[in-house]
């Protein structure tokens, strides 16, 4: 999969994990406040990133993401090997 395909797949996973419809999550969405993100959400996101990229993702890195944009920037870094 190329970067665009990974990002598209991850957006679908975000909607699924948080049980939202397309358009109900934006880059500015605050994970804990707007989505009531819990540990189970974070672990589901970790599993998705690891499956999409083949890279190991520490829980602390995902938990440190405050907004969806932070999460997407982190994912791009994983994809780009940063």
C-alpha atoms as a PDB file:
ATOM      1  CA  UNK A   1       0.000   0.000   0.000  1.00  0.00           C
ATOM      2  CA  UNK A   2       1.185   3.499  -0.713  1.00  0.00           C
ATOM      3  CA  UNK A   3       0.916   6.426   1.710  1.00  0.00           C
ATOM      4  CA  UNK A   4      -2.432   7.667   0.344  1.00  0.00           C
ATOM      5  CA  UNK A   5      -3.973   4.223   0.610  1.00  0.00           C
ATOM      6  CA  UNK A   6      -2.733   3.848   4.183  1.00  0.00           C
ATOM      7  CA  UNK A   7      -4.142   7.247   5.157  1.00  0.00           C
ATOM      8  CA  UNK A   8      -7.494   6.457   3.509  1.00  0.00           C
ATOM      9  CA  UNK A   9      -7.674   3.083   5.270  1.00  0.00           C
ATOM     10  CA  UNK A  10      -6.787   4.707   8.576  1.00  0.00           C
ATOM     11  CA  UNK A  11      -9.578   7.283   8.222  1.00  0.00           C
ATOM     12  CA  UNK A  12     -12.035   4.407   7.716  1.00  0.00           C
ATOM     13  CA  UNK A  13     -10.633   2.755  10.816  1.00  0.00           C
ATOM     14  CA  UNK A  14     -11.053   5.986  12.811  1.00  0.00           C
ATOM     15  CA  UNK A  15     -14.747   6.100  11.915  1.00  0.00           C
ATOM     16  CA  UNK A  16     -15.121   2.456  12.853  1.00  0.00           C
ATOM     17  CA  UNK A  17     -13.226   2.639  16.156  1.00  0.00           C
ATOM     18  CA  UNK A  18     -15.164   5.667  17.345  1.00  0.00           C
ATOM     19  CA  UNK A  19     -18.454   4.506  15.784  1.00  0.00           C
ATOM     20  CA  UNK A  20     -18.889   7.706  13.766  1.00  0.00           C
ATOM     21  CA  UNK A  21     -20.143   8.412  10.263  1.00  0.00           C
ATOM     22  CA  UNK A  22     -17.965   9.950   7.547  1.00  0.00           C
ATOM     23  CA  UNK A  23     -17.660  13.663   8.209  1.00  0.00           C
ATOM     24  CA  UNK A  24     -18.241  13.410  11.965  1.00  0.00           C
ATOM     25  CA  UNK A  25     -14.500  13.439  12.653  1.00  0.00           C
ATOM     26  CA  UNK A  26     -12.183  16.210  11.449  1.00  0.00           C
ATOM     27  CA  UNK A  27      -8.514  17.005  11.858  1.00  0.00           C
ATOM     28  CA  UNK A  28      -9.432  19.424  14.664  1.00  0.00           C
ATOM     29  CA  UNK A  29     -11.405  16.819  16.618  1.00  0.00           C
ATOM     30  CA  UNK A  30     -10.015  16.447  20.147  1.00  0.00           C
ATOM     31  CA  UNK A  31      -9.748  12.755  20.853  1.00  0.00           C
ATOM     32  CA  UNK A  32     -10.462  12.709  24.591  1.00  0.00           C
ATOM     33  CA  UNK A  33     -12.986  15.563  24.717  1.00  0.00           C
ATOM     34  CA  UNK A  34     -14.893  15.177  21.459  1.00  0.00           C
ATOM     35  CA  UNK A  35     -14.656  11.407  21.005  1.00  0.00           C
ATOM     36  CA  UNK A  36     -14.386  10.281  24.647  1.00  0.00           C
ATOM     37  CA  UNK A  37     -11.322   8.238  23.690  1.00  0.00           C
ATOM     38  CA  UNK A  38     -10.470   5.464  26.126  1.00  0.00           C
ATOM     39  CA  UNK A  39      -7.618   2.989  26.411  1.00  0.00           C
ATOM     40  CA  UNK A  40      -9.539   0.501  24.274  1.00  0.00           C
ATOM     41  CA  UNK A  41      -9.788   3.107  21.500  1.00  0.00           C
ATOM     42  CA  UNK A  42      -6.063   3.809  21.709  1.00  0.00           C
ATOM     43  CA  UNK A  43      -5.211   0.096  21.551  1.00  0.00           C
ATOM     44  CA  UNK A  44      -7.498  -0.331  18.524  1.00  0.00           C
ATOM     45  CA  UNK A  45      -5.725   2.577  16.794  1.00  0.00           C
ATOM     46  CA  UNK A  46      -2.340   1.066  17.636  1.00  0.00           C
ATOM     47  CA  UNK A  47      -3.414  -2.261  16.144  1.00  0.00           C
ATOM     48  CA  UNK A  48      -4.610  -0.501  13.005  1.00  0.00           C
ATOM     49  CA  UNK A  49      -1.381   1.476  12.562  1.00  0.00           C
ATOM     50  CA  UNK A  50       0.718  -1.624  13.168  1.00  0.00           C
ATOM     51  CA  UNK A  51      -1.339  -3.633  10.675  1.00  0.00           C
ATOM     52  CA  UNK A  52      -1.202  -0.896   8.022  1.00  0.00           C
ATOM     53  CA  UNK A  53       2.502  -0.093   8.403  1.00  0.00           C
ATOM     54  CA  UNK A  54       4.131  -3.179   9.887  1.00  0.00           C
ATOM     55  CA  UNK A  55       5.756  -0.935  12.501  1.00  0.00           C
ATOM     56  CA  UNK A  56       5.495  -1.276  16.278  1.00  0.00           C
ATOM     57  CA  UNK A  57       3.718   1.646  17.957  1.00  0.00           C
ATOM     58  CA  UNK A  58       4.136   2.475  21.656  1.00  0.00           C
ATOM     59  CA  UNK A  59       0.942   3.264  23.589  1.00  0.00           C
ATOM     60  CA  UNK A  60       2.510   6.454  24.984  1.00  0.00           C
ATOM     61  CA  UNK A  61       2.943   7.899  21.480  1.00  0.00           C
ATOM     62  CA  UNK A  62      -0.738   7.449  20.645  1.00  0.00           C
ATOM     63  CA  UNK A  63      -1.929   8.674  24.030  1.00  0.00           C
ATOM     64  CA  UNK A  64       0.161  11.845  23.563  1.00  0.00           C
ATOM     65  CA  UNK A  65      -1.871  12.745  20.458  1.00  0.00           C
ATOM     66  CA  UNK A  66      -4.483  15.290  21.482  1.00  0.00           C
ATOM     67  CA  UNK A  67      -6.218  15.858  18.150  1.00  0.00           C
ATOM     68  CA  UNK A  68      -6.876  13.751  15.085  1.00  0.00           C
ATOM     69  CA  UNK A  69      -4.368  15.970  13.284  1.00  0.00           C
ATOM     70  CA  UNK A  70      -1.697  15.014  15.862  1.00  0.00           C
ATOM     71  CA  UNK A  71      -2.542  11.365  15.268  1.00  0.00           C
ATOM     72  CA  UNK A  72      -2.351  11.748  11.495  1.00  0.00           C
ATOM     73  CA  UNK A  73       1.000  13.545  11.763  1.00  0.00           C
ATOM     74  CA  UNK A  74       2.268  10.688  13.905  1.00  0.00           C
ATOM     75  CA  UNK A  75       1.037   8.145  11.333  1.00  0.00           C
ATOM     76  CA  UNK A  76       2.725  10.058   8.518  1.00  0.00           C
ATOM     77  CA  UNK A  77       5.965   9.972  10.514  1.00  0.00           C
ATOM     78  CA  UNK A  78       5.657   6.208  10.911  1.00  0.00           C
ATOM     79  CA  UNK A  79       4.982   5.805   7.183  1.00  0.00           C
ATOM     80  CA  UNK A  80       7.890   8.085   6.253  1.00  0.00           C
ATOM     81  CA  UNK A  81      10.204   6.304   8.705  1.00  0.00           C
ATOM     82  CA  UNK A  82      10.710   9.351  10.941  1.00  0.00           C
END
